[in-house]
Amino acid sequence: MSRGIIVTGCESILGLEVIHSLVAKEKKVTALLQEGADEKMVPPDVPVVKANLFKISPLKAILERFDEVIHCASNMEFYPKKVELSYRTNTELTVVLVRAAIEAGIRHFVHISTTEVIAPTGTEPADELTAYHACNEYGKSKILAEEELKNICALSTMSYTILRPSAIITPKSFGVLYQLFWAVNLGLFVFYPASRQETSKRLTFTHLSDVVKGICMVIDDAKGKNQTYILSGGSLPFKTVIEIIAKELGREKPLICISSELIRLPLAFASFFVKIYSKNCHLFNTHNIEYIQQNRIYSSEKAKKMLGWTPTYTMEEAIRETIKEQIKCGALKTIKFSVVSVVLVIMLLAFFIRIFFI
């Protein structure tokens, strides 16, 4: 008889959705939180246990009551101000949890990693055999976590599954992608902040529900043991992504392309003032220039063949559905006139007044 599943990272959108999905499947599930963490987001009918997640002894005592661990907790900042925090959360925490799980007799450990461990890619899709090469601290810390997990498990009887979802898109997230929606909605994208060549670089997003589906598939699935799987909803050129967003929000698509290098300085200037307004607004971060200069293309063929996983949403459908849901819940508000169009009208009026009346 199954002793149940314990899930970390329940303060995150992914962790919460995993819990909701497991409850719907009538699985015995418990949320594991760091001491002092707020548990109000966890469903009231789901048991919650708290411990110092960086110490093996208290973790072992808790984990002895379970069969499986789903480790969703992570620090997803690509370029964190405190680099050591990324490695503490993404690497050190994983190592402690794995060691405690082995000592507690956990049967199966599911580790949620990221495709950033093999990013950027070339023009062909990267897969599970692609060599590690990360370009940001998030990916680098996750590489170390994956390597430690595999090395430690090789000396034990505990099996593992590593899932690498690409960037997750969900109506409940208000990160960079939401801020991109917001900027297009305001009409701030009068040009593509990239050269014609750069706008052909491909981005990848996967709908949250498809990632959760993949996680649930590896639970109690013998085929998934000691395997790594990529979960990707497909890829689209940066230019197409902007056009999809613009069309869904009723905005005109950008007219011209301007090399990202030419806007680096203005972007840094804008970033300074935006951060005064909002510390959580990362859209104008100059690091995003590197992001749109790179390909992120991944193959999920292994997950499709071995797990039967297929994304419900294509990347385009995921973007459109997310925008609709954010409009529906009031996170995005449709506006008749964009900021840029209003400014242009005022400038034209001022010009004609100057010519004909002054």
Protein backbone atom coordinates (compact mmCIF):
# COMPACT_ATOMS: atom_id res chain seq x y z
CA MET A 1 0.00 0.00 0.00
CA SER A 2 1.35 3.42 -0.97
CA ARG A 3 2.46 5.62 1.90
CA GLY A 4 1.86 8.71 -0.17
CA ILE A 5 3.69 11.51 -1.94
CA ILE A 6 5.34 14.58 -0.44
CA VAL A 7 5.81 17.74 -2.55
CA THR A 8 8.27 20.61 -2.07
CA GLY A 9 7.94 24.11 -3.53
CA CYS A 10 4.28 24.38 -2.60
CA GLU A 11 4.60 28.16 -2.34
CA SER A 12 5.15 28.22 -6.12
CA ILE A 13 2.54 28.08 -8.87
CA LEU A 14 3.97 24.79 -10.16
CA GLY A 15 4.04 23.11 -6.75
CA LEU A 16 0.46 24.16 -6.00
CA GLU A 17 -0.81 22.90 -9.35
CA VAL A 18 0.95 19.57 -8.80
CA ILE A 19 -0.80 19.22 -5.44
CA HIS A 20 -4.22 20.09 -6.93
CA SER A 21 -3.69 17.55 -9.71
CA LEU A 22 -2.61 14.77 -7.35
CA VAL A 23 -5.59 15.44 -5.07
CA ALA A 24 -7.90 15.24 -8.11
CA LYS A 25 -6.34 11.83 -8.88
CA GLU A 26 -7.10 10.79 -5.28
CA LYS A 27 -3.43 10.44 -4.37
CA LYS A 28 -2.28 10.76 -0.76
CA VAL A 29 -0.30 13.98 -0.92
CA THR A 30 1.40 16.19 1.68
CA ALA A 31 3.04 19.60 1.30
CA LEU A 32 6.59 20.05 2.64
CA LEU A 33 7.52 23.62 3.53
CA GLN A 34 10.56 25.36 4.97
CA GLU A 35 10.22 26.42 8.60
CA GLY A 36 8.49 29.79 8.80
CA ALA A 37 6.99 29.56 5.29
CA ASP A 38 3.42 30.74 4.76
CA GLU A 39 1.04 27.81 4.21
CA LYS A 40 -2.09 29.81 3.35
CA MET A 41 -1.79 28.98 -0.37
CA VAL A 42 -1.89 25.23 0.28
CA PRO A 43 -5.42 23.73 -0.03
CA PRO A 44 -6.97 23.32 3.46
CA ASP A 45 -7.59 19.59 2.95
CA VAL A 46 -3.89 18.90 2.20
CA PRO A 47 -1.65 18.11 5.21
CA VAL A 48 1.34 20.42 5.68
CA VAL A 49 4.63 19.60 7.40
CA LYS A 50 7.42 22.08 8.05
CA ALA A 51 11.09 21.49 8.70
CA ASN A 52 14.55 22.94 8.24
CA LEU A 53 15.05 21.75 4.66
CA PHE A 54 18.81 22.14 4.93
CA LYS A 55 19.25 19.52 7.68
CA ILE A 56 19.08 15.79 7.00
CA SER A 57 17.93 14.54 10.43
CA PRO A 58 14.56 16.35 10.68
CA LEU A 59 13.89 15.68 7.01
CA LYS A 60 14.57 11.98 7.38
CA ALA A 61 12.05 11.72 10.24
CA ILE A 62 9.39 13.31 8.03
CA LEU A 63 10.19 11.44 4.80
CA GLU A 64 10.01 8.01 6.48
CA ARG A 65 6.23 8.28 6.17
CA PHE A 66 6.25 8.55 2.36
CA ASP A 67 7.11 6.59 -0.79
CA GLU A 68 7.80 9.37 -3.29
CA VAL A 69 9.16 12.91 -3.32
CA ILE A 70 8.32 15.51 -5.97
CA HIS A 71 10.90 18.26 -5.65
CA CYS A 72 9.49 21.46 -7.20
CA ALA A 73 11.28 24.01 -5.00
CA SER A 74 13.75 26.27 -6.82
CA ASN A 75 15.06 29.78 -7.27
CA MET A 76 14.26 30.65 -10.89
CA GLU A 77 16.19 33.91 -11.18
CA PHE A 78 18.44 33.78 -14.24
CA TYR A 79 20.73 36.58 -13.05
CA PRO A 80 20.22 36.88 -9.28
CA LYS A 81 21.76 39.68 -7.24
CA LYS A 82 22.69 37.09 -4.62
CA VAL A 83 24.23 34.28 -6.66
CA GLU A 84 24.89 32.15 -3.58
CA LEU A 85 21.14 32.03 -2.89
CA SER A 86 20.52 30.28 -6.22
CA TYR A 87 23.07 27.59 -5.47
CA ARG A 88 21.83 27.20 -1.90
CA THR A 89 18.22 26.71 -3.05
CA ASN A 90 18.76 24.85 -6.30
CA THR A 91 21.81 22.74 -5.48
CA GLU A 92 22.43 22.48 -1.74
CA LEU A 93 18.74 21.98 -0.87
CA THR A 94 18.43 19.26 -3.52
CA VAL A 95 21.48 17.38 -2.20
CA VAL A 96 20.24 17.47 1.40
CA LEU A 97 16.76 16.36 0.34
CA VAL A 98 18.13 13.47 -1.77
CA ARG A 99 20.37 12.22 1.04
CA ALA A 100 17.52 12.45 3.56
CA ALA A 101 15.20 10.64 1.13
CA ILE A 102 17.65 7.75 0.73
CA GLU A 103 18.13 7.41 4.49
CA ALA A 104 14.34 7.47 4.95
CA GLY A 105 13.78 4.68 2.42
CA ILE A 106 12.05 6.80 -0.22
CA ARG A 107 11.38 4.66 -3.29
CA HIS A 108 11.27 7.32 -6.04
CA PHE A 109 12.53 10.91 -6.27
CA VAL A 110 11.09 13.22 -8.96
CA HIS A 111 13.30 16.25 -9.57
CA ILE A 112 11.95 19.23 -11.51
CA SER A 113 14.88 20.73 -13.38
CA THR A 114 14.87 23.01 -16.45
CA THR A 115 15.88 23.11 -20.11
CA GLU A 116 18.19 25.98 -19.13
CA VAL A 117 20.77 23.29 -18.30
CA ILE A 118 21.25 22.92 -22.08
CA ALA A 119 20.56 26.48 -23.21
CA PRO A 120 21.02 28.13 -25.59
CA THR A 121 20.62 25.60 -28.38
CA GLY A 122 21.65 25.55 -32.01
CA THR A 123 19.26 25.60 -34.93
CA GLU A 124 18.33 21.95 -34.33
CA PRO A 125 16.33 20.78 -31.29
CA ALA A 126 18.38 19.80 -28.24
CA ASP A 127 17.42 16.60 -26.42
CA GLU A 128 18.29 14.63 -23.30
CA LEU A 129 21.65 13.58 -24.77
CA THR A 130 22.78 17.17 -25.40
CA ALA A 131 25.80 18.06 -23.27
CA TYR A 132 25.36 20.42 -20.34
CA HIS A 133 26.00 24.09 -21.16
CA ALA A 134 24.15 26.79 -19.24
CA CYS A 135 24.46 30.53 -19.84
CA ASN A 136 22.90 31.78 -16.58
CA GLU A 137 23.14 31.04 -12.86
CA TYR A 138 19.75 29.31 -12.77
CA GLY A 139 20.85 26.76 -15.37
CA LYS A 140 24.31 26.31 -13.84
CA SER A 141 22.92 25.63 -10.35
CA LYS A 142 20.44 23.14 -11.81
CA ILE A 143 23.25 21.30 -13.65
CA LEU A 144 25.00 20.75 -10.33
CA ALA A 145 21.74 19.55 -8.78
CA GLU A 146 21.16 17.03 -11.58
CA GLU A 147 24.71 15.70 -11.38
CA GLU A 148 24.57 15.33 -7.60
CA LEU A 149 21.19 13.57 -7.79
CA LYS A 150 22.43 11.02 -10.31
CA ASN A 151 25.72 10.40 -8.49
CA ILE A 152 24.08 9.91 -5.09
CA CYS A 153 21.29 7.69 -6.43
CA ALA A 154 23.84 5.50 -8.24
CA LEU A 155 25.03 4.35 -4.78
CA SER A 156 21.52 3.59 -3.50
CA THR A 157 18.35 1.70 -4.40
CA MET A 158 16.27 4.89 -4.72
CA SER A 159 15.20 5.60 -8.30
CA TYR A 160 14.90 9.07 -9.75
CA THR A 161 13.22 10.91 -12.62
CA ILE A 162 14.47 14.27 -13.87
CA LEU A 163 11.95 16.41 -15.72
CA ARG A 164 13.18 19.41 -17.70
CA PRO A 165 10.28 21.69 -18.61
CA SER A 166 11.02 24.70 -20.80
CA ALA A 167 9.88 28.15 -19.65
CA ILE A 168 6.40 27.73 -18.18
CA ILE A 169 3.49 29.88 -19.30
CA THR A 170 0.44 30.27 -17.09
CA PRO A 171 -2.27 32.91 -16.47
CA LYS A 172 -1.25 32.90 -12.80
CA SER A 173 2.31 34.06 -13.48
CA PHE A 174 3.23 37.75 -13.57
CA GLY A 175 6.84 37.44 -14.64
CA VAL A 176 8.63 38.61 -17.78
CA LEU A 177 6.09 37.13 -20.21
CA TYR A 178 3.18 38.89 -18.48
CA GLN A 179 5.21 42.10 -18.56
CA LEU A 180 5.71 41.54 -22.29
CA PHE A 181 1.91 41.26 -22.70
CA TRP A 182 1.54 44.48 -20.72
CA ALA A 183 4.10 46.34 -22.86
CA VAL A 184 2.48 45.22 -26.14
CA ASN A 185 -0.94 46.13 -24.76
CA LEU A 186 0.27 49.66 -24.04
CA GLY A 187 1.62 49.92 -27.57
CA LEU A 188 5.23 50.22 -26.45
CA PHE A 189 6.41 47.82 -29.14
CA VAL A 190 6.48 50.16 -32.13
CA PHE A 191 9.53 48.25 -33.38
CA TYR A 192 11.08 44.83 -32.84
CA PRO A 193 13.99 45.25 -30.39
CA ALA A 194 16.07 42.95 -32.59
CA SER A 195 17.56 42.79 -36.06
CA ARG A 196 15.80 40.77 -38.78
CA GLN A 197 18.18 37.90 -38.13
CA GLU A 198 17.59 38.06 -34.38
CA THR A 199 13.79 38.03 -34.75
CA SER A 200 14.11 34.58 -36.34
CA LYS A 201 15.62 33.17 -33.14
CA ARG A 202 13.18 30.73 -31.57
CA LEU A 203 11.72 30.83 -28.04
CA THR A 204 10.05 27.97 -26.19
CA PHE A 205 7.20 28.06 -23.69
CA THR A 206 5.15 25.20 -22.25
CA HIS A 207 1.72 25.56 -20.66
CA LEU A 208 1.65 24.89 -16.90
CA SER A 209 -1.03 22.20 -17.24
CA ASP A 210 1.16 20.25 -19.67
CA VAL A 211 4.12 20.34 -17.27
CA VAL A 212 1.90 19.13 -14.42
CA LYS A 213 0.57 16.37 -16.68
CA GLY A 214 4.14 15.19 -17.30
CA ILE A 215 4.93 15.18 -13.58
CA CYS A 216 1.86 13.10 -12.78
CA MET A 217 2.76 10.63 -15.54
CA VAL A 218 6.06 9.63 -13.94
CA ILE A 219 4.42 8.84 -10.59
CA ASP A 220 4.32 5.04 -10.18
CA ASP A 221 5.55 4.60 -13.76
CA ALA A 222 8.35 2.04 -13.93
CA LYS A 223 9.41 3.26 -17.39
CA GLY A 224 10.22 6.69 -15.97
CA LYS A 225 12.72 5.48 -13.39
CA ASN A 226 16.32 6.74 -13.64
CA GLN A 227 15.43 8.71 -16.75
CA THR A 228 15.54 12.34 -17.85
CA TYR A 229 12.73 13.86 -19.92
CA ILE A 230 12.30 17.21 -21.66
CA LEU A 231 8.80 18.71 -21.63
CA SER A 232 8.40 21.32 -24.37
CA GLY A 233 5.33 22.78 -26.00
CA GLY A 234 7.22 23.67 -29.17
CA SER A 235 9.06 26.78 -30.30
CA LEU A 236 8.28 29.95 -32.29
CA PRO A 237 10.41 32.79 -33.69
CA PHE A 238 10.57 35.86 -31.46
CA LYS A 239 8.93 37.90 -34.23
CA THR A 240 5.97 35.50 -34.37
CA VAL A 241 5.57 35.58 -30.60
CA ILE A 242 5.24 39.38 -30.63
CA GLU A 243 2.77 39.23 -33.54
CA ILE A 244 0.58 36.65 -31.77
CA ILE A 245 0.48 38.80 -28.63
CA ALA A 246 -0.28 41.96 -30.64
CA LYS A 247 -3.10 40.28 -32.56
CA GLU A 248 -4.68 38.81 -29.41
CA LEU A 249 -4.61 42.23 -27.72
CA GLY A 250 -5.84 44.12 -30.78
CA ARG A 251 -2.58 45.96 -31.34
CA GLU A 252 -0.72 46.62 -34.57
CA LYS A 253 2.41 44.54 -34.98
CA PRO A 254 5.75 46.41 -34.90
CA LEU A 255 6.72 48.16 -38.12
CA ILE A 256 10.50 47.80 -38.25
CA CYS A 257 13.42 45.93 -36.73
CA ILE A 258 16.15 47.73 -34.80
CA SER A 259 19.27 45.83 -33.78
CA SER A 260 19.24 44.88 -30.12
CA GLU A 261 22.74 46.32 -29.74
CA LEU A 262 21.44 49.78 -30.71
CA ILE A 263 18.84 49.72 -27.96
CA ARG A 264 21.10 48.35 -25.22
CA LEU A 265 21.92 51.80 -23.79
CA PRO A 266 18.33 53.18 -24.02
CA LEU A 267 17.12 49.93 -22.44
CA ALA A 268 19.51 50.30 -19.53
CA PHE A 269 18.30 53.90 -19.11
CA ALA A 270 14.66 52.79 -19.15
CA SER A 271 15.43 49.95 -16.75
CA PHE A 272 16.78 52.42 -14.17
CA PHE A 273 13.50 54.36 -14.06
CA VAL A 274 11.25 51.28 -14.30
CA LYS A 275 12.93 49.77 -11.25
CA ILE A 276 12.07 52.88 -9.27
CA TYR A 277 8.42 52.23 -10.13
CA SER A 278 8.52 48.44 -9.71
CA LYS A 279 11.30 46.21 -8.39
CA ASN A 280 9.58 43.20 -9.96
CA CYS A 281 9.59 44.54 -13.51
CA HIS A 282 12.32 42.63 -15.33
CA LEU A 283 11.20 43.22 -18.93
CA PHE A 284 13.66 46.09 -19.48
CA ASN A 285 16.62 44.18 -18.08
CA THR A 286 19.53 44.31 -20.54
CA HIS A 287 20.08 40.57 -19.99
CA ASN A 288 16.94 40.02 -22.08
CA ILE A 289 18.90 41.20 -25.11
CA GLU A 290 21.07 38.08 -24.87
CA TYR A 291 17.95 35.96 -24.45
CA ILE A 292 16.37 37.06 -27.73
CA GLN A 293 19.71 36.65 -29.52
CA GLN A 294 19.68 32.92 -28.70
CA ASN A 295 17.75 29.87 -29.84
CA ARG A 296 15.86 27.68 -27.39
CA ILE A 297 14.58 24.69 -29.31
CA TYR A 298 13.96 21.35 -27.61
CA SER A 299 12.73 17.89 -28.53
CA SER A 300 10.20 16.05 -26.34
CA GLU A 301 10.25 12.89 -28.45
CA LYS A 302 11.58 10.78 -25.58
CA ALA A 303 8.71 11.83 -23.27
CA LYS A 304 6.21 11.19 -26.05
CA LYS A 305 7.55 7.70 -26.79
CA MET A 306 8.28 6.46 -23.26
CA LEU A 307 5.59 8.22 -21.24
CA GLY A 308 2.91 8.90 -23.84
CA TRP A 309 3.16 12.60 -22.96
CA THR A 310 1.90 15.08 -25.53
CA PRO A 311 1.26 18.77 -24.86
CA THR A 312 -2.40 19.76 -24.87
CA TYR A 313 -1.42 23.26 -25.95
CA THR A 314 0.87 24.30 -28.77
CA MET A 315 3.01 27.30 -27.88
CA GLU A 316 0.72 29.62 -29.85
CA GLU A 317 -2.39 28.20 -28.16
CA ALA A 318 -0.72 28.55 -24.75
CA ILE A 319 0.03 32.25 -25.39
CA ARG A 320 -3.48 32.99 -26.64
CA GLU A 321 -5.15 31.07 -23.80
CA THR A 322 -2.99 32.80 -21.20
CA ILE A 323 -3.84 36.27 -22.54
CA LYS A 324 -7.57 35.44 -22.59
CA GLU A 325 -7.46 34.16 -19.01
CA GLN A 326 -5.52 37.20 -17.78
CA ILE A 327 -8.05 39.53 -19.43
CA LYS A 328 -10.89 37.51 -17.92
CA CYS A 329 -9.47 37.74 -14.38
CA GLY A 330 -8.59 41.44 -14.79
CA ALA A 331 -4.80 41.01 -14.74
CA LEU A 332 -4.72 42.49 -18.26
CA LYS A 333 -7.12 45.24 -19.22
CA THR A 334 -8.07 45.90 -22.82
CA ILE A 335 -7.61 49.54 -23.77
CA LYS A 336 -8.92 51.21 -26.91
CA PHE A 337 -5.93 53.44 -27.51
CA SER A 338 -2.32 52.60 -26.86
CA VAL A 339 0.00 55.03 -25.10
CA VAL A 340 2.09 55.39 -28.24
CA SER A 341 -0.92 56.15 -30.47
CA VAL A 342 -2.12 58.85 -28.05
CA VAL A 343 1.37 60.41 -27.96
CA LEU A 344 1.57 60.36 -31.77
CA VAL A 345 -1.84 62.02 -32.11
CA ILE A 346 -0.81 64.74 -29.63
CA MET A 347 2.45 65.31 -31.53
CA LEU A 348 0.59 65.57 -34.86
CA LEU A 349 -1.93 68.00 -33.39
CA ALA A 350 0.89 70.09 -31.94
CA PHE A 351 2.62 70.06 -35.33
CA PHE A 352 -0.48 71.27 -37.22
CA ILE A 353 -1.25 73.91 -34.59
CA ARG A 354 2.32 75.15 -34.91
CA ILE A 355 2.11 75.28 -38.73
CA PHE A 356 -1.35 76.77 -39.19
CA PHE A 357 -2.09 78.83 -36.08
CA ILE A 358 1.21 80.13 -34.70
